[in-house]
Amino acid sequence: MKLKRKLYKRGSSYETTIPLPLLFSIKDKKKYHVVFEFDEEQKKWYVDFESIEKEHKNENTDEILKYD
């Protein structure tokens, strides 16, 4: 499968949209970071999705609790 996307100029940087077929594997209710990783040897980019953990500070102990 091959997907193309337009590259948009936004101020001093660029952005693009993520094709919907790549998003079918993630859950709608969660928030994600999109991670782009370049493999130097193969000269290829890879895209991954990491769920964002929510942080909650316990007011009694100042302990930070992380959960999905």
PDB file of N, CA and C in Angstrom:
ATOM      1  N   MET A   1       0.842  -1.167   0.000  1.00  0.00           N
ATOM      2  CA  MET A   1       0.000   0.000   0.000  1.00  0.00           C
ATOM      3  C   MET A   1       0.895   1.240   0.000  1.00  0.00           C
ATOM      4  N   LYS A   2       0.521   2.215  -0.752  1.00  0.00           N
ATOM      5  CA  LYS A   2       1.266   3.465  -0.834  1.00  0.00           C
ATOM      6  C   LYS A   2       0.300   4.613  -0.566  1.00  0.00           C
ATOM      7  N   LEU A   3       0.692   5.512   0.335  1.00  0.00           N
ATOM      8  CA  LEU A   3      -0.130   6.664   0.685  1.00  0.00           C
ATOM      9  C   LEU A   3       0.666   7.937   0.470  1.00  0.00           C
ATOM     10  N   LYS A   4       0.021   8.952  -0.120  1.00  0.00           N
ATOM     11  CA  LYS A   4       0.666  10.247  -0.318  1.00  0.00           C
ATOM     12  C   LYS A   4      -0.082  11.299   0.471  1.00  0.00           C
ATOM     13  N   ARG A   5       0.654  12.274   0.975  1.00  0.00           N
ATOM     14  CA  ARG A   5       0.073  13.390   1.698  1.00  0.00           C
ATOM     15  C   ARG A   5       0.766  14.674   1.283  1.00  0.00           C
ATOM     16  N   LYS A   6      -0.006  15.771   1.261  1.00  0.00           N
ATOM     17  CA  LYS A   6       0.529  17.083   0.937  1.00  0.00           C
ATOM     18  C   LYS A   6       1.290  17.628   2.146  1.00  0.00           C
ATOM     19  N   LEU A   7       2.390  18.325   1.897  1.00  0.00           N
ATOM     20  CA  LEU A   7       3.183  18.964   2.935  1.00  0.00           C
ATOM     21  C   LEU A   7       2.818  20.442   2.965  1.00  0.00           C
ATOM     22  N   TYR A   8       2.378  20.935   4.127  1.00  0.00           N
ATOM     23  CA  TYR A   8       1.929  22.314   4.277  1.00  0.00           C
ATOM     24  C   TYR A   8       2.976  23.152   5.002  1.00  0.00           C
ATOM     25  N   LYS A   9       3.201  24.387   4.534  1.00  0.00           N
ATOM     26  CA  LYS A   9       4.105  25.305   5.225  1.00  0.00           C
ATOM     27  C   LYS A   9       3.301  26.042   6.286  1.00  0.00           C
ATOM     28  N   ARG A  10       3.805  26.018   7.530  1.00  0.00           N
ATOM     29  CA  ARG A  10       3.176  26.707   8.668  1.00  0.00           C
ATOM     30  C   ARG A  10       4.233  27.576   9.337  1.00  0.00           C
ATOM     31  N   GLY A  11       4.268  28.832   8.980  1.00  0.00           N
ATOM     32  CA  GLY A  11       5.279  29.741   9.541  1.00  0.00           C
ATOM     33  C   GLY A  11       6.665  29.310   9.111  1.00  0.00           C
ATOM     34  N   SER A  12       7.522  29.011  10.090  1.00  0.00           N
ATOM     35  CA  SER A  12       8.891  28.600   9.769  1.00  0.00           C
ATOM     36  C   SER A  12       9.048  27.084   9.723  1.00  0.00           C
ATOM     37  N   SER A  13       7.942  26.327   9.832  1.00  0.00           N
ATOM     38  CA  SER A  13       8.026  24.864   9.797  1.00  0.00           C
ATOM     39  C   SER A  13       7.018  24.302   8.799  1.00  0.00           C
ATOM     40  N   TYR A  14       6.951  22.998   8.742  1.00  0.00           N
ATOM     41  CA  TYR A  14       6.041  22.302   7.834  1.00  0.00           C
ATOM     42  C   TYR A  14       5.230  21.278   8.611  1.00  0.00           C
ATOM     43  N   GLU A  15       4.064  20.904   8.073  1.00  0.00           N
ATOM     44  CA  GLU A  15       3.261  19.859   8.690  1.00  0.00           C
ATOM     45  C   GLU A  15       2.492  19.108   7.627  1.00  0.00           C
ATOM     46  N   THR A  16       1.967  17.953   8.031  1.00  0.00           N
ATOM     47  CA  THR A  16       1.167  17.125   7.145  1.00  0.00           C
ATOM     48  C   THR A  16       0.099  16.429   7.975  1.00  0.00           C
ATOM     49  N   THR A  17      -0.866  15.823   7.314  1.00  0.00           N
ATOM     50  CA  THR A  17      -1.887  15.054   8.024  1.00  0.00           C
ATOM     51  C   THR A  17      -1.477  13.585   8.046  1.00  0.00           C
ATOM     52  N   ILE A  18      -2.042  12.846   8.972  1.00  0.00           N
ATOM     53  CA  ILE A  18      -1.775  11.412   9.055  1.00  0.00           C
ATOM     54  C   ILE A  18      -2.930  10.687   8.388  1.00  0.00           C
ATOM     55  N   PRO A  19      -2.658   9.809   7.435  1.00  0.00           N
ATOM     56  CA  PRO A  19      -3.726   9.106   6.726  1.00  0.00           C
ATOM     57  C   PRO A  19      -4.574   8.246   7.670  1.00  0.00           C
ATOM     58  N   LEU A  20      -5.865   8.251   7.451  1.00  0.00           N
ATOM     59  CA  LEU A  20      -6.802   7.510   8.294  1.00  0.00           C
ATOM     60  C   LEU A  20      -6.479   6.024   8.419  1.00  0.00           C
ATOM     61  N   PRO A  21      -6.040   5.323   7.375  1.00  0.00           N
ATOM     62  CA  PRO A  21      -5.723   3.902   7.544  1.00  0.00           C
ATOM     63  C   PRO A  21      -4.656   3.628   8.604  1.00  0.00           C
ATOM     64  N   LEU A  22      -3.767   4.591   8.862  1.00  0.00           N
ATOM     65  CA  LEU A  22      -2.759   4.414   9.908  1.00  0.00           C
ATOM     66  C   LEU A  22      -3.356   4.551  11.302  1.00  0.00           C
ATOM     67  N   LEU A  23      -4.500   5.190  11.400  1.00  0.00           N
ATOM     68  CA  LEU A  23      -5.118   5.450  12.698  1.00  0.00           C
ATOM     69  C   LEU A  23      -6.080   4.358  13.146  1.00  0.00           C
ATOM     70  N   PHE A  24      -6.348   3.375  12.308  1.00  0.00           N
ATOM     71  CA  PHE A  24      -7.305   2.325  12.665  1.00  0.00           C
ATOM     72  C   PHE A  24      -6.837   1.481  13.840  1.00  0.00           C
ATOM     73  N   SER A  25      -5.541   1.431  14.100  1.00  0.00           N
ATOM     74  CA  SER A  25      -5.030   0.582  15.168  1.00  0.00           C
ATOM     75  C   SER A  25      -5.033   1.263  16.538  1.00  0.00           C
ATOM     76  N   ILE A  26      -5.396   2.549  16.604  1.00  0.00           N
ATOM     77  CA  ILE A  26      -5.387   3.244  17.897  1.00  0.00           C
ATOM     78  C   ILE A  26      -6.812   3.388  18.423  1.00  0.00           C
ATOM     79  N   LYS A  27      -6.924   3.612  19.724  1.00  0.00           N
ATOM     80  CA  LYS A  27      -8.224   3.760  20.375  1.00  0.00           C
ATOM     81  C   LYS A  27      -8.639   5.224  20.363  1.00  0.00           C
ATOM     82  N   ASP A  28      -9.911   5.473  20.013  1.00  0.00           N
ATOM     83  CA  ASP A  28     -10.418   6.844  19.898  1.00  0.00           C
ATOM     84  C   ASP A  28     -10.345   7.639  21.192  1.00  0.00           C
ATOM     85  N   LYS A  29     -10.539   7.005  22.314  1.00  0.00           N
ATOM     86  CA  LYS A  29     -10.658   7.711  23.591  1.00  0.00           C
ATOM     87  C   LYS A  29      -9.309   8.177  24.156  1.00  0.00           C
ATOM     88  N   LYS A  30      -8.208   7.601  23.694  1.00  0.00           N
ATOM     89  CA  LYS A  30      -6.891   7.952  24.223  1.00  0.00           C
ATOM     90  C   LYS A  30      -6.239   9.047  23.399  1.00  0.00           C
ATOM     91  N   LYS A  31      -5.247   9.703  24.007  1.00  0.00           N
ATOM     92  CA  LYS A  31      -4.444  10.694  23.289  1.00  0.00           C
ATOM     93  C   LYS A  31      -3.086  10.072  23.003  1.00  0.00           C
ATOM     94  N   TYR A  32      -2.489  10.480  21.887  1.00  0.00           N
ATOM     95  CA  TYR A  32      -1.247   9.867  21.440  1.00  0.00           C
ATOM     96  C   TYR A  32      -0.229  10.906  21.005  1.00  0.00           C
ATOM     97  N   HIS A  33       1.045  10.541  21.138  1.00  0.00           N
ATOM     98  CA  HIS A  33       2.135  11.255  20.493  1.00  0.00           C
ATOM     99  C   HIS A  33       2.434  10.495  19.214  1.00  0.00           C
ATOM    100  N   VAL A  34       2.693  11.224  18.135  1.00  0.00           N
ATOM    101  CA  VAL A  34       3.123  10.591  16.891  1.00  0.00           C
ATOM    102  C   VAL A  34       4.645  10.680  16.876  1.00  0.00           C
ATOM    103  N   VAL A  35       5.305   9.525  16.756  1.00  0.00           N
ATOM    104  CA  VAL A  35       6.755   9.459  16.818  1.00  0.00           C
ATOM    105  C   VAL A  35       7.295   9.104  15.431  1.00  0.00           C
ATOM    106  N   PHE A  36       8.168   9.953  14.910  1.00  0.00           N
ATOM    107  CA  PHE A  36       8.815   9.709  13.627  1.00  0.00           C
ATOM    108  C   PHE A  36      10.249   9.283  13.911  1.00  0.00           C
ATOM    109  N   GLU A  37      10.645   8.142  13.364  1.00  0.00           N
ATOM    110  CA  GLU A  37      11.996   7.633  13.607  1.00  0.00           C
ATOM    111  C   GLU A  37      12.668   7.322  12.275  1.00  0.00           C
ATOM    112  N   PHE A  38      13.909   7.790  12.123  1.00  0.00           N
ATOM    113  CA  PHE A  38      14.661   7.586  10.889  1.00  0.00           C
ATOM    114  C   PHE A  38      15.709   6.503  11.097  1.00  0.00           C
ATOM    115  N   ASP A  39      15.725   5.513  10.200  1.00  0.00           N
ATOM    116  CA  ASP A  39      16.714   4.435  10.233  1.00  0.00           C
ATOM    117  C   ASP A  39      17.833   4.823   9.264  1.00  0.00           C
ATOM    118  N   GLU A  40      18.998   5.147   9.820  1.00  0.00           N
ATOM    119  CA  GLU A  40      20.143   5.597   9.016  1.00  0.00           C
ATOM    120  C   GLU A  40      20.594   4.554   8.005  1.00  0.00           C
ATOM    121  N   GLU A  41      20.645   3.301   8.418  1.00  0.00           N
ATOM    122  CA  GLU A  41      21.137   2.240   7.529  1.00  0.00           C
ATOM    123  C   GLU A  41      20.219   2.025   6.332  1.00  0.00           C
ATOM    124  N   GLN A  42      18.920   1.991   6.578  1.00  0.00           N
ATOM    125  CA  GLN A  42      17.965   1.728   5.496  1.00  0.00           C
ATOM    126  C   GLN A  42      17.487   3.006   4.812  1.00  0.00           C
ATOM    127  N   LYS A  43      17.821   4.159   5.401  1.00  0.00           N
ATOM    128  CA  LYS A  43      17.394   5.463   4.861  1.00  0.00           C
ATOM    129  C   LYS A  43      15.868   5.531   4.728  1.00  0.00           C
ATOM    130  N   LYS A  44      15.167   5.082   5.800  1.00  0.00           N
ATOM    131  CA  LYS A  44      13.705   5.077   5.808  1.00  0.00           C
ATOM    132  C   LYS A  44      13.181   5.689   7.097  1.00  0.00           C
ATOM    133  N   TRP A  45      12.011   6.310   6.983  1.00  0.00           N
ATOM    134  CA  TRP A  45      11.315   6.852   8.144  1.00  0.00           C
ATOM    135  C   TRP A  45      10.248   5.869   8.590  1.00  0.00           C
ATOM    136  N   TYR A  46      10.056   5.799   9.903  1.00  0.00           N
ATOM    137  CA  TYR A  46       9.000   4.965  10.485  1.00  0.00           C
ATOM    138  C   TYR A  46       8.126   5.844  11.373  1.00  0.00           C
ATOM    139  N   VAL A  47       6.825   5.542  11.395  1.00  0.00           N
ATOM    140  CA  VAL A  47       5.870   6.293  12.200  1.00  0.00           C
ATOM    141  C   VAL A  47       5.304   5.354  13.261  1.00  0.00           C
ATOM    142  N   ASP A  48       5.253   5.842  14.501  1.00  0.00           N
ATOM    143  CA  ASP A  48       4.705   5.043  15.591  1.00  0.00           C
ATOM    144  C   ASP A  48       3.804   5.943  16.436  1.00  0.00           C
ATOM    145  N   PHE A  49       2.888   5.325  17.164  1.00  0.00           N
ATOM    146  CA  PHE A  49       1.983   6.054  18.039  1.00  0.00           C
ATOM    147  C   PHE A  49       2.224   5.604  19.476  1.00  0.00           C
ATOM    148  N   GLU A  50       2.471   6.562  20.366  1.00  0.00           N
ATOM    149  CA  GLU A  50       2.659   6.265  21.780  1.00  0.00           C
ATOM    150  C   GLU A  50       1.514   6.900  22.550  1.00  0.00           C
ATOM    151  N   SER A  51       0.825   6.101  23.367  1.00  0.00           N
ATOM    152  CA  SER A  51      -0.264   6.671  24.152  1.00  0.00           C
ATOM    153  C   SER A  51       0.319   7.611  25.202  1.00  0.00           C
ATOM    154  N   ILE A  52      -0.383   8.694  25.452  1.00  0.00           N
ATOM    155  CA  ILE A  52       0.049   9.683  26.431  1.00  0.00           C
ATOM    156  C   ILE A  52      -0.491   9.259  27.784  1.00  0.00           C
ATOM    157  N   GLU A  53       0.421   9.122  28.735  1.00  0.00           N
ATOM    158  CA  GLU A  53       0.009   8.768  30.093  1.00  0.00           C
ATOM    159  C   GLU A  53      -0.454  10.025  30.811  1.00  0.00           C
ATOM    160  N   LYS A  54      -1.539   9.887  31.542  1.00  0.00           N
ATOM    161  CA  LYS A  54      -2.027  11.001  32.343  1.00  0.00           C
ATOM    162  C   LYS A  54      -1.286  10.996  33.668  1.00  0.00           C
ATOM    163  N   GLU A  55      -1.016  12.175  34.174  1.00  0.00           N
ATOM    164  CA  GLU A  55      -0.352  12.286  35.465  1.00  0.00           C
ATOM    165  C   GLU A  55      -1.302  12.920  36.471  1.00  0.00           C
ATOM    166  N   HIS A  56      -1.293  12.390  37.662  1.00  0.00           N
ATOM    167  CA  HIS A  56      -2.116  12.920  38.732  1.00  0.00           C
ATOM    168  C   HIS A  56      -1.245  13.071  39.968  1.00  0.00           C
ATOM    169  N   LYS A  57      -1.225  14.260  40.533  1.00  0.00           N
ATOM    170  CA  LYS A  57      -0.403  14.513  41.717  1.00  0.00           C
ATOM    171  C   LYS A  57      -1.248  14.260  42.966  1.00  0.00           C
ATOM    172  N   ASN A  58      -0.783  13.365  43.831  1.00  0.00           N
ATOM    173  CA  ASN A  58      -1.438  13.082  45.096  1.00  0.00           C
ATOM    174  C   ASN A  58      -1.170  14.263  46.028  1.00  0.00           C
ATOM    175  N   GLU A  59      -2.216  14.966  46.439  1.00  0.00           N
ATOM    176  CA  GLU A  59      -2.060  16.179  47.246  1.00  0.00           C
ATOM    177  C   GLU A  59      -1.476  15.889  48.624  1.00  0.00           C
ATOM    178  N   ASN A  60      -1.702  14.692  49.153  1.00  0.00           N
ATOM    179  CA  ASN A  60      -1.225  14.366  50.500  1.00  0.00           C
ATOM    180  C   ASN A  60       0.262  14.028  50.538  1.00  0.00           C
ATOM    181  N   THR A  61       0.767  13.398  49.492  1.00  0.00           N
ATOM    182  CA  THR A  61       2.159  12.934  49.517  1.00  0.00           C
ATOM    183  C   THR A  61       3.032  13.583  48.446  1.00  0.00           C
ATOM    184  N   ASP A  62       2.457  14.403  47.576  1.00  0.00           N
ATOM    185  CA  ASP A  62       3.163  15.011  46.437  1.00  0.00           C
ATOM    186  C   ASP A  62       3.718  13.958  45.474  1.00  0.00           C
ATOM    187  N   GLU A  63       3.213  12.726  45.559  1.00  0.00           N
ATOM    188  CA  GLU A  63       3.619  11.656  44.658  1.00  0.00           C
ATOM    189  C   GLU A  63       2.876  11.828  43.335  1.00  0.00           C
ATOM    190  N   ILE A  64       3.592  11.617  42.227  1.00  0.00           N
ATOM    191  CA  ILE A  64       2.961  11.709  40.904  1.00  0.00           C
ATOM    192  C   ILE A  64       2.600  10.309  40.452  1.00  0.00           C
ATOM    193  N   LEU A  65       1.318  10.099  40.184  1.00  0.00           N
ATOM    194  CA  LEU A  65       0.820   8.805  39.732  1.00  0.00           C
ATOM    195  C   LEU A  65       0.580   8.874  38.238  1.00  0.00           C
ATOM    196  N   LYS A  66       1.030   7.859  37.509  1.00  0.00           N
ATOM    197  CA  LYS A  66       0.827   7.796  36.063  1.00  0.00           C
ATOM    198  C   LYS A  66      -0.116   6.657  35.738  1.00  0.00           C
ATOM    199  N   TYR A  67      -1.044   6.908  34.814  1.00  0.00           N
ATOM    200  CA  TYR A  67      -1.984   5.883  34.382  1.00  0.00           C
ATOM    201  C   TYR A  67      -2.436   6.181  32.969  1.00  0.00           C
ATOM    202  N   ASP A  68      -2.955   5.166  32.282  1.00  0.00           N
ATOM    203  CA  ASP A  68      -3.486   5.347  30.921  1.00  0.00           C
ATOM    204  C   ASP A  68      -4.923   5.771  30.977  1.00  0.00           C
TER     205      ASP A  68
END
